[in-house]
Amino acid sequence: MRRDRASVLIRIFQENYDHLVRFLTRRMGGDAQRAADIAQDTYLRLASAPVSEGKIDNPRAYVYRVAGNLAIDCIRREKRHFASSHPDAGQVPEQVEDPKPSPEITVMGRQQLALIDRALERLPENPRRALLMFRVDGFSHARIAQELGVSESMVAKYIARALQQCRDELWQADQNK
């Protein structure tokens, strides 16, 4: 009789395997590999665990309960392992890192911006306007073409030429350092 109950639980496990793995994947924060491992543990638990003499009213819910409990045990075990291997994880650090860029990074950024401004000033009118409308204003090639009175392919050429010139000037400035 015990064997019959175990086989019913195994049959329900097999019929609902895909759904059970999706359920466990959600429980495990999207980690399908850990969910599959827990599903395998669930199968072993169902196959080897003694079934009480009382009748299980809802075998499908029982299978999901066993799987859910194993998932909770796994999460708790991982938290304990993390806490033991990272004893200072719960403590506030002595120094809090400032999210602002360092003064050196700020100065370098300003220098690069000045170089780009100079490169933009050296560009012919239409390529400069096309690049700024595309990158700054977010205009489409069709709209830029309409604004400048040129074809869309010419807009693409303007933008490519402007980007290339800006890149070349930045590269040259970097080489001269």
N, C-alpha and C. Protein backbone atom coordinates (compact mmCIF):
# COMPACT_ATOMS: atom_id res chain seq x y z
N MET A 1 0.82 -1.20 0.00
CA MET A 1 0.00 0.00 0.00
C MET A 1 0.87 1.27 0.00
N ARG A 2 1.93 1.24 0.79
CA ARG A 2 2.84 2.37 0.83
C ARG A 2 3.45 2.59 -0.55
N ARG A 3 3.79 1.51 -1.23
CA ARG A 3 4.39 1.57 -2.54
C ARG A 3 3.42 2.24 -3.53
N ASP A 4 2.13 1.97 -3.40
CA ASP A 4 1.13 2.56 -4.28
C ASP A 4 1.08 4.07 -4.10
N ARG A 5 1.13 4.54 -2.87
CA ARG A 5 1.09 5.98 -2.62
C ARG A 5 2.32 6.66 -3.18
N ALA A 6 3.49 6.03 -2.99
CA ALA A 6 4.72 6.61 -3.53
C ALA A 6 4.65 6.66 -5.05
N SER A 7 4.10 5.62 -5.68
CA SER A 7 4.03 5.62 -7.14
C SER A 7 3.04 6.68 -7.63
N VAL A 8 1.98 6.95 -6.87
CA VAL A 8 1.05 8.01 -7.24
C VAL A 8 1.75 9.37 -7.18
N LEU A 9 2.54 9.58 -6.14
CA LEU A 9 3.26 10.85 -6.01
C LEU A 9 4.31 11.01 -7.12
N ILE A 10 4.98 9.92 -7.45
CA ILE A 10 5.98 9.96 -8.52
C ILE A 10 5.29 10.24 -9.85
N ARG A 11 4.15 9.63 -10.09
CA ARG A 11 3.40 9.85 -11.33
C ARG A 11 2.98 11.32 -11.42
N ILE A 12 2.49 11.88 -10.34
CA ILE A 12 2.07 13.29 -10.33
C ILE A 12 3.30 14.19 -10.54
N PHE A 13 4.42 13.83 -9.92
CA PHE A 13 5.66 14.59 -10.11
C PHE A 13 6.04 14.60 -11.59
N GLN A 14 6.01 13.44 -12.23
CA GLN A 14 6.39 13.34 -13.64
C GLN A 14 5.43 14.08 -14.55
N GLU A 15 4.14 14.01 -14.27
CA GLU A 15 3.15 14.70 -15.09
C GLU A 15 3.28 16.21 -15.00
N ASN A 16 3.72 16.71 -13.86
CA ASN A 16 3.79 18.15 -13.62
C ASN A 16 5.23 18.67 -13.58
N TYR A 17 6.17 17.90 -14.10
CA TYR A 17 7.59 18.25 -13.97
C TYR A 17 7.90 19.65 -14.52
N ASP A 18 7.47 19.92 -15.76
CA ASP A 18 7.80 21.22 -16.37
C ASP A 18 7.24 22.38 -15.56
N HIS A 19 6.00 22.25 -15.13
CA HIS A 19 5.38 23.32 -14.34
C HIS A 19 6.08 23.45 -12.99
N LEU A 20 6.46 22.32 -12.41
CA LEU A 20 7.15 22.33 -11.12
C LEU A 20 8.50 23.03 -11.23
N VAL A 21 9.23 22.78 -12.31
CA VAL A 21 10.53 23.43 -12.50
C VAL A 21 10.34 24.94 -12.68
N ARG A 22 9.31 25.34 -13.41
CA ARG A 22 9.04 26.79 -13.55
C ARG A 22 8.71 27.41 -12.19
N PHE A 23 7.91 26.70 -11.40
CA PHE A 23 7.57 27.15 -10.05
C PHE A 23 8.84 27.32 -9.21
N LEU A 24 9.72 26.33 -9.27
CA LEU A 24 10.96 26.39 -8.50
C LEU A 24 11.92 27.45 -9.04
N THR A 25 11.92 27.65 -10.35
CA THR A 25 12.77 28.69 -10.93
C THR A 25 12.38 30.05 -10.39
N ARG A 26 11.08 30.31 -10.29
CA ARG A 26 10.63 31.59 -9.71
C ARG A 26 11.05 31.68 -8.25
N ARG A 27 10.93 30.58 -7.53
CA ARG A 27 11.32 30.58 -6.12
C ARG A 27 12.81 30.84 -5.93
N MET A 28 13.61 30.37 -6.90
CA MET A 28 15.06 30.46 -6.78
C MET A 28 15.60 31.71 -7.49
N GLY A 29 14.76 32.68 -7.71
CA GLY A 29 15.20 33.95 -8.29
C GLY A 29 15.60 33.85 -9.75
N GLY A 30 15.00 32.92 -10.47
CA GLY A 30 15.26 32.81 -11.90
C GLY A 30 16.37 31.84 -12.26
N ASP A 31 16.96 31.17 -11.29
CA ASP A 31 18.06 30.25 -11.55
C ASP A 31 17.50 28.87 -11.91
N ALA A 32 17.43 28.57 -13.20
CA ALA A 32 16.83 27.32 -13.67
C ALA A 32 17.67 26.12 -13.28
N GLN A 33 18.99 26.27 -13.20
CA GLN A 33 19.85 25.14 -12.84
C GLN A 33 19.60 24.70 -11.40
N ARG A 34 19.53 25.67 -10.50
CA ARG A 34 19.24 25.33 -9.09
C ARG A 34 17.84 24.75 -8.98
N ALA A 35 16.89 25.26 -9.76
CA ALA A 35 15.53 24.75 -9.73
C ALA A 35 15.49 23.30 -10.18
N ALA A 36 16.25 22.96 -11.22
CA ALA A 36 16.29 21.58 -11.69
C ALA A 36 16.91 20.67 -10.64
N ASP A 37 17.93 21.16 -9.93
CA ASP A 37 18.54 20.37 -8.85
C ASP A 37 17.53 20.11 -7.74
N ILE A 38 16.76 21.12 -7.39
CA ILE A 38 15.76 20.95 -6.34
C ILE A 38 14.65 20.01 -6.79
N ALA A 39 14.29 20.07 -8.07
CA ALA A 39 13.29 19.14 -8.60
C ALA A 39 13.80 17.71 -8.48
N GLN A 40 15.07 17.50 -8.76
CA GLN A 40 15.64 16.16 -8.63
C GLN A 40 15.62 15.72 -7.16
N ASP A 41 15.96 16.63 -6.25
CA ASP A 41 15.89 16.31 -4.82
C ASP A 41 14.46 15.99 -4.40
N THR A 42 13.51 16.69 -5.00
CA THR A 42 12.10 16.42 -4.70
C THR A 42 11.73 15.00 -5.12
N TYR A 43 12.17 14.60 -6.29
CA TYR A 43 11.89 13.25 -6.76
C TYR A 43 12.47 12.22 -5.80
N LEU A 44 13.72 12.43 -5.39
CA LEU A 44 14.35 11.49 -4.46
C LEU A 44 13.61 11.44 -3.13
N ARG A 45 13.19 12.60 -2.67
CA ARG A 45 12.46 12.66 -1.40
C ARG A 45 11.13 11.92 -1.52
N LEU A 46 10.42 12.12 -2.62
CA LEU A 46 9.13 11.45 -2.80
C LEU A 46 9.31 9.94 -2.95
N ALA A 47 10.36 9.54 -3.62
CA ALA A 47 10.59 8.12 -3.86
C ALA A 47 11.05 7.39 -2.61
N SER A 48 11.77 8.07 -1.73
CA SER A 48 12.36 7.38 -0.59
C SER A 48 11.69 7.66 0.75
N ALA A 49 10.92 8.73 0.83
CA ALA A 49 10.34 9.10 2.11
C ALA A 49 9.16 8.19 2.45
N PRO A 50 9.06 7.82 3.73
CA PRO A 50 7.90 7.02 4.13
C PRO A 50 6.64 7.88 4.08
N VAL A 51 5.59 7.33 3.52
CA VAL A 51 4.32 8.04 3.43
C VAL A 51 3.50 7.66 4.64
N SER A 52 2.90 8.66 5.26
CA SER A 52 2.10 8.39 6.45
C SER A 52 0.93 7.48 6.08
N GLU A 53 0.40 6.80 7.08
CA GLU A 53 -0.71 5.87 6.85
C GLU A 53 -1.98 6.58 6.41
N GLY A 54 -2.10 7.87 6.75
CA GLY A 54 -3.28 8.63 6.35
C GLY A 54 -3.26 8.92 4.86
N LYS A 55 -4.43 9.09 4.29
CA LYS A 55 -4.54 9.37 2.86
C LYS A 55 -4.17 10.82 2.60
N ILE A 56 -3.43 11.06 1.52
CA ILE A 56 -3.08 12.43 1.12
C ILE A 56 -4.24 12.96 0.31
N ASP A 57 -4.86 14.04 0.79
CA ASP A 57 -6.05 14.58 0.14
C ASP A 57 -5.74 15.16 -1.24
N ASN A 58 -4.64 15.88 -1.37
CA ASN A 58 -4.29 16.51 -2.62
C ASN A 58 -2.83 16.19 -2.94
N PRO A 59 -2.59 15.09 -3.66
CA PRO A 59 -1.21 14.67 -3.93
C PRO A 59 -0.40 15.71 -4.70
N ARG A 60 -1.04 16.43 -5.63
CA ARG A 60 -0.32 17.45 -6.40
C ARG A 60 0.17 18.56 -5.48
N ALA A 61 -0.67 19.02 -4.56
CA ALA A 61 -0.28 20.05 -3.60
C ALA A 61 0.83 19.52 -2.69
N TYR A 62 0.78 18.24 -2.35
CA TYR A 62 1.81 17.63 -1.52
C TYR A 62 3.17 17.68 -2.23
N VAL A 63 3.18 17.34 -3.51
CA VAL A 63 4.42 17.36 -4.29
C VAL A 63 4.98 18.78 -4.32
N TYR A 64 4.12 19.76 -4.56
CA TYR A 64 4.57 21.16 -4.61
C TYR A 64 5.05 21.62 -3.23
N ARG A 65 4.40 21.15 -2.18
CA ARG A 65 4.83 21.53 -0.82
C ARG A 65 6.21 20.99 -0.52
N VAL A 66 6.45 19.73 -0.89
CA VAL A 66 7.77 19.14 -0.69
C VAL A 66 8.82 19.93 -1.47
N ALA A 67 8.55 20.25 -2.74
CA ALA A 67 9.49 21.00 -3.56
C ALA A 67 9.73 22.40 -2.99
N GLY A 68 8.66 23.07 -2.55
CA GLY A 68 8.79 24.40 -1.97
C GLY A 68 9.61 24.39 -0.69
N ASN A 69 9.39 23.39 0.15
CA ASN A 69 10.17 23.29 1.38
C ASN A 69 11.65 23.04 1.09
N LEU A 70 11.93 22.20 0.08
CA LEU A 70 13.33 21.97 -0.29
C LEU A 70 13.97 23.24 -0.83
N ALA A 71 13.21 24.05 -1.57
CA ALA A 71 13.73 25.32 -2.08
C ALA A 71 14.05 26.26 -0.92
N ILE A 72 13.18 26.33 0.05
CA ILE A 72 13.42 27.18 1.23
C ILE A 72 14.66 26.70 1.97
N ASP A 73 14.78 25.39 2.14
CA ASP A 73 15.98 24.84 2.81
C ASP A 73 17.24 25.21 2.06
N CYS A 74 17.20 25.14 0.74
CA CYS A 74 18.37 25.48 -0.09
C CYS A 74 18.74 26.95 0.08
N ILE A 75 17.76 27.82 0.05
CA ILE A 75 18.02 29.26 0.21
C ILE A 75 18.61 29.54 1.59
N ARG A 76 18.06 28.92 2.62
CA ARG A 76 18.59 29.13 3.98
C ARG A 76 20.02 28.61 4.10
N ARG A 77 20.27 27.45 3.50
CA ARG A 77 21.62 26.87 3.54
C ARG A 77 22.62 27.80 2.84
N GLU A 78 22.22 28.36 1.70
CA GLU A 78 23.10 29.28 0.97
C GLU A 78 23.35 30.56 1.77
N LYS A 79 22.32 31.05 2.44
CA LYS A 79 22.50 32.25 3.27
C LYS A 79 23.47 31.98 4.42
N ARG A 80 23.33 30.81 5.06
CA ARG A 80 24.24 30.46 6.15
C ARG A 80 25.67 30.33 5.63
N HIS A 81 25.82 29.70 4.47
CA HIS A 81 27.15 29.53 3.88
C HIS A 81 27.76 30.89 3.54
N PHE A 82 26.95 31.79 2.97
CA PHE A 82 27.44 33.13 2.63
C PHE A 82 27.85 33.88 3.89
N ALA A 83 27.03 33.81 4.93
CA ALA A 83 27.32 34.53 6.17
C ALA A 83 28.59 33.99 6.82
N SER A 84 28.81 32.67 6.74
CA SER A 84 30.01 32.11 7.37
C SER A 84 31.27 32.42 6.57
N SER A 85 31.15 32.53 5.24
CA SER A 85 32.32 32.83 4.43
C SER A 85 32.56 34.32 4.26
N HIS A 86 31.58 35.15 4.61
CA HIS A 86 31.71 36.62 4.55
C HIS A 86 31.25 37.20 5.90
N PRO A 87 32.10 37.07 6.92
CA PRO A 87 31.66 37.50 8.26
C PRO A 87 31.36 38.99 8.38
N ASP A 88 31.93 39.81 7.52
CA ASP A 88 31.69 41.25 7.61
C ASP A 88 30.58 41.72 6.69
N ALA A 89 29.79 40.80 6.10
CA ALA A 89 28.76 41.17 5.13
C ALA A 89 27.66 42.01 5.76
N GLY A 90 27.36 41.81 7.02
CA GLY A 90 26.29 42.56 7.65
C GLY A 90 26.74 43.86 8.28
N GLN A 91 28.04 44.12 8.26
CA GLN A 91 28.55 45.32 8.91
C GLN A 91 28.61 46.49 7.93
N VAL A 92 28.53 47.67 8.48
CA VAL A 92 28.65 48.88 7.67
C VAL A 92 30.14 49.15 7.46
N PRO A 93 30.55 49.40 6.23
CA PRO A 93 31.98 49.65 5.99
C PRO A 93 32.43 50.93 6.67
N GLU A 94 33.72 50.97 7.03
CA GLU A 94 34.25 52.15 7.70
C GLU A 94 34.28 53.35 6.77
N GLN A 95 34.56 53.12 5.49
CA GLN A 95 34.59 54.20 4.52
C GLN A 95 33.53 53.90 3.46
N VAL A 96 32.75 54.90 3.17
CA VAL A 96 31.75 54.76 2.12
C VAL A 96 32.31 55.41 0.87
N GLU A 97 32.29 54.66 -0.22
CA GLU A 97 32.85 55.18 -1.47
C GLU A 97 31.94 56.26 -2.04
N ASP A 98 32.57 57.36 -2.45
CA ASP A 98 31.85 58.47 -3.04
C ASP A 98 31.49 58.13 -4.48
N PRO A 99 30.22 58.22 -4.87
CA PRO A 99 29.84 57.85 -6.24
C PRO A 99 30.28 58.87 -7.29
N LYS A 100 30.68 60.06 -6.87
CA LYS A 100 31.12 61.08 -7.83
C LYS A 100 32.47 60.67 -8.40
N PRO A 101 32.73 61.07 -9.65
CA PRO A 101 34.03 60.76 -10.23
C PRO A 101 35.14 61.52 -9.51
N SER A 102 36.32 60.97 -9.57
CA SER A 102 37.47 61.61 -8.92
C SER A 102 37.80 62.91 -9.65
N PRO A 103 38.57 63.79 -9.01
CA PRO A 103 38.96 65.04 -9.68
C PRO A 103 39.73 64.79 -10.98
N GLU A 104 40.56 63.74 -11.00
CA GLU A 104 41.33 63.44 -12.21
C GLU A 104 40.39 63.06 -13.36
N ILE A 105 39.40 62.23 -13.07
CA ILE A 105 38.44 61.80 -14.09
C ILE A 105 37.64 63.00 -14.59
N THR A 106 37.26 63.89 -13.68
CA THR A 106 36.52 65.08 -14.05
C THR A 106 37.33 65.96 -14.99
N VAL A 107 38.61 66.17 -14.67
CA VAL A 107 39.47 67.00 -15.51
C VAL A 107 39.64 66.35 -16.88
N MET A 108 39.87 65.04 -16.91
CA MET A 108 40.04 64.34 -18.19
C MET A 108 38.77 64.45 -19.04
N GLY A 109 37.63 64.33 -18.40
CA GLY A 109 36.37 64.45 -19.13
C GLY A 109 36.19 65.84 -19.72
N ARG A 110 36.55 66.85 -18.94
CA ARG A 110 36.45 68.23 -19.45
C ARG A 110 37.41 68.47 -20.62
N GLN A 111 38.59 67.88 -20.53
CA GLN A 111 39.55 68.03 -21.62
C GLN A 111 39.02 67.37 -22.89
N GLN A 112 38.46 66.18 -22.76
CA GLN A 112 37.91 65.50 -23.93
C GLN A 112 36.74 66.28 -24.51
N LEU A 113 35.91 66.85 -23.64
CA LEU A 113 34.79 67.65 -24.11
C LEU A 113 35.27 68.88 -24.87
N ALA A 114 36.32 69.50 -24.39
CA ALA A 114 36.88 70.67 -25.09
C ALA A 114 37.43 70.25 -26.45
N LEU A 115 38.08 69.09 -26.52
CA LEU A 115 38.58 68.60 -27.80
C LEU A 115 37.44 68.34 -28.78
N ILE A 116 36.36 67.77 -28.30
CA ILE A 116 35.21 67.49 -29.17
C ILE A 116 34.58 68.79 -29.63
N ASP A 117 34.49 69.78 -28.72
CA ASP A 117 33.96 71.10 -29.12
C ASP A 117 34.80 71.71 -30.24
N ARG A 118 36.12 71.63 -30.11
CA ARG A 118 36.99 72.17 -31.15
C ARG A 118 36.83 71.40 -32.46
N ALA A 119 36.69 70.10 -32.35
CA ALA A 119 36.51 69.29 -33.56
C ALA A 119 35.19 69.64 -34.23
N LEU A 120 34.15 69.86 -33.45
CA LEU A 120 32.85 70.24 -34.01
C LEU A 120 32.92 71.61 -34.68
N GLU A 121 33.68 72.53 -34.09
CA GLU A 121 33.82 73.87 -34.68
C GLU A 121 34.52 73.81 -36.05
N ARG A 122 35.42 72.86 -36.22
CA ARG A 122 36.18 72.74 -37.46
C ARG A 122 35.38 72.06 -38.58
N LEU A 123 34.28 71.44 -38.21
CA LEU A 123 33.47 70.73 -39.22
C LEU A 123 32.76 71.72 -40.12
N PRO A 124 32.54 71.35 -41.38
CA PRO A 124 31.68 72.17 -42.23
C PRO A 124 30.26 72.22 -41.65
N GLU A 125 29.51 73.22 -42.05
CA GLU A 125 28.19 73.49 -41.47
C GLU A 125 27.25 72.28 -41.52
N ASN A 126 27.00 71.70 -42.69
CA ASN A 126 26.02 70.62 -42.80
C ASN A 126 26.41 69.37 -42.03
N PRO A 127 27.65 68.88 -42.10
CA PRO A 127 28.00 67.71 -41.29
C PRO A 127 27.85 67.97 -39.79
N ARG A 128 28.25 69.18 -39.33
CA ARG A 128 28.12 69.51 -37.91
C ARG A 128 26.65 69.52 -37.50
N ARG A 129 25.81 70.20 -38.28
CA ARG A 129 24.38 70.26 -37.95
C ARG A 129 23.75 68.86 -37.98
N ALA A 130 24.12 68.06 -38.98
CA ALA A 130 23.56 66.71 -39.09
C ALA A 130 23.94 65.88 -37.87
N LEU A 131 25.20 65.94 -37.46
CA LEU A 131 25.65 65.18 -36.30
C LEU A 131 24.92 65.62 -35.03
N LEU A 132 24.84 66.93 -34.82
CA LEU A 132 24.18 67.44 -33.61
C LEU A 132 22.69 67.11 -33.60
N MET A 133 22.02 67.24 -34.76
CA MET A 133 20.60 66.88 -34.81
C MET A 133 20.39 65.40 -34.54
N PHE A 134 21.32 64.59 -35.02
CA PHE A 134 21.19 63.14 -34.84
C PHE A 134 21.51 62.72 -33.40
N ARG A 135 22.66 63.15 -32.89
CA ARG A 135 23.12 62.71 -31.57
C ARG A 135 22.49 63.47 -30.41
N VAL A 136 22.32 64.77 -30.55
CA VAL A 136 21.82 65.58 -29.43
C VAL A 136 20.30 65.66 -29.45
N ASP A 137 19.74 65.99 -30.62
CA ASP A 137 18.30 66.18 -30.70
C ASP A 137 17.55 64.88 -30.93
N GLY A 138 18.24 63.84 -31.38
CA GLY A 138 17.60 62.55 -31.60
C GLY A 138 16.74 62.49 -32.84
N PHE A 139 17.01 63.34 -33.80
CA PHE A 139 16.22 63.36 -35.04
C PHE A 139 16.55 62.14 -35.90
N SER A 140 15.58 61.72 -36.68
CA SER A 140 15.80 60.63 -37.63
C SER A 140 16.53 61.18 -38.85
N HIS A 141 17.07 60.27 -39.65
CA HIS A 141 17.76 60.69 -40.88
C HIS A 141 16.78 61.43 -41.80
N ALA A 142 15.53 60.94 -41.85
CA ALA A 142 14.54 61.58 -42.72
C ALA A 142 14.29 63.02 -42.28
N ARG A 143 14.17 63.23 -41.00
CA ARG A 143 13.90 64.59 -40.52
C ARG A 143 15.10 65.51 -40.75
N ILE A 144 16.31 64.98 -40.53
CA ILE A 144 17.52 65.78 -40.77
C ILE A 144 17.60 66.14 -42.25
N ALA A 145 17.31 65.16 -43.12
CA ALA A 145 17.35 65.41 -44.56
C ALA A 145 16.38 66.53 -44.93
N GLN A 146 15.21 66.50 -44.31
CA GLN A 146 14.20 67.53 -44.58
C GLN A 146 14.71 68.90 -44.08
N GLU A 147 15.29 68.94 -42.90
CA GLU A 147 15.79 70.19 -42.33
C GLU A 147 16.93 70.79 -43.17
N LEU A 148 17.82 69.91 -43.64
CA LEU A 148 19.00 70.38 -44.39
C LEU A 148 18.75 70.48 -45.89
N GLY A 149 17.65 69.92 -46.35
CA GLY A 149 17.34 69.96 -47.77
C GLY A 149 18.25 69.06 -48.60
N VAL A 150 18.62 67.89 -48.04
CA VAL A 150 19.47 66.94 -48.75
C VAL A 150 18.81 65.55 -48.67
N SER A 151 19.41 64.57 -49.32
CA SER A 151 18.87 63.20 -49.29
C SER A 151 19.27 62.51 -47.97
N GLU A 152 18.56 61.43 -47.66
CA GLU A 152 18.89 60.67 -46.45
C GLU A 152 20.26 60.03 -46.54
N SER A 153 20.65 59.60 -47.73
CA SER A 153 21.99 59.01 -47.87
C SER A 153 23.07 60.06 -47.63
N MET A 154 22.80 61.29 -48.01
CA MET A 154 23.76 62.36 -47.76
C MET A 154 23.85 62.64 -46.26
N VAL A 155 22.72 62.53 -45.56
CA VAL A 155 22.73 62.72 -44.10
C VAL A 155 23.64 61.66 -43.47
N ALA A 156 23.50 60.41 -43.93
CA ALA A 156 24.35 59.34 -43.39
C ALA A 156 25.82 59.64 -43.65
N LYS A 157 26.14 60.16 -44.82
CA LYS A 157 27.53 60.50 -45.15
C LYS A 157 28.02 61.65 -44.28
N TYR A 158 27.17 62.66 -44.07
CA TYR A 158 27.54 63.78 -43.20
C TYR A 158 27.88 63.28 -41.79
N ILE A 159 27.00 62.46 -41.26
CA ILE A 159 27.19 61.96 -39.88
C ILE A 159 28.46 61.13 -39.80
N ALA A 160 28.67 60.24 -40.77
CA ALA A 160 29.87 59.40 -40.77
C ALA A 160 31.13 60.26 -40.86
N ARG A 161 31.12 61.26 -41.73
CA ARG A 161 32.27 62.14 -41.90
C ARG A 161 32.55 62.91 -40.61
N ALA A 162 31.49 63.42 -39.98
CA ALA A 162 31.66 64.20 -38.75
C ALA A 162 32.20 63.32 -37.62
N LEU A 163 31.67 62.11 -37.48
CA LEU A 163 32.15 61.20 -36.43
C LEU A 163 33.61 60.83 -36.66
N GLN A 164 33.95 60.58 -37.91
CA GLN A 164 35.32 60.21 -38.23
C GLN A 164 36.28 61.36 -37.91
N GLN A 165 35.90 62.56 -38.25
CA GLN A 165 36.76 63.71 -37.98
C GLN A 165 36.92 63.92 -36.48
N CYS A 166 35.83 63.81 -35.73
CA CYS A 166 35.93 63.96 -34.26
C CYS A 166 36.82 62.87 -33.67
N ARG A 167 36.63 61.63 -34.14
CA ARG A 167 37.44 60.53 -33.64
C ARG A 167 38.91 60.76 -33.96
N ASP A 168 39.21 61.20 -35.18
CA ASP A 168 40.59 61.43 -35.58
C ASP A 168 41.24 62.52 -34.73
N GLU A 169 40.50 63.57 -34.44
CA GLU A 169 41.06 64.64 -33.63
C GLU A 169 41.31 64.19 -32.20
N LEU A 170 40.41 63.39 -31.65
CA LEU A 170 40.64 62.85 -30.30
C LEU A 170 41.86 61.93 -30.29
N TRP A 171 41.99 61.11 -31.32
CA TRP A 171 43.11 60.20 -31.40
C TRP A 171 44.43 60.98 -31.52
N GLN A 172 44.41 62.01 -32.35
CA GLN A 172 45.60 62.83 -32.54
C GLN A 172 46.00 63.52 -31.23
N ALA A 173 45.03 64.04 -30.52
CA ALA A 173 45.32 64.71 -29.25
C ALA A 173 45.89 63.71 -28.25
N ASP A 174 45.39 62.49 -28.28
CA ASP A 174 45.88 61.46 -27.38
C ASP A 174 47.32 61.07 -27.73
N GLN A 175 47.65 61.07 -29.00
CA GLN A 175 49.00 60.72 -29.45
C GLN A 175 50.01 61.81 -29.11
N ASN A 176 49.53 63.05 -29.04
CA ASN A 176 50.44 64.18 -28.75
C ASN A 176 50.74 64.33 -27.26
N LYS A 177 50.10 63.59 -26.43
CA LYS A 177 50.33 63.70 -24.97
C LYS A 177 51.65 63.12 -24.57
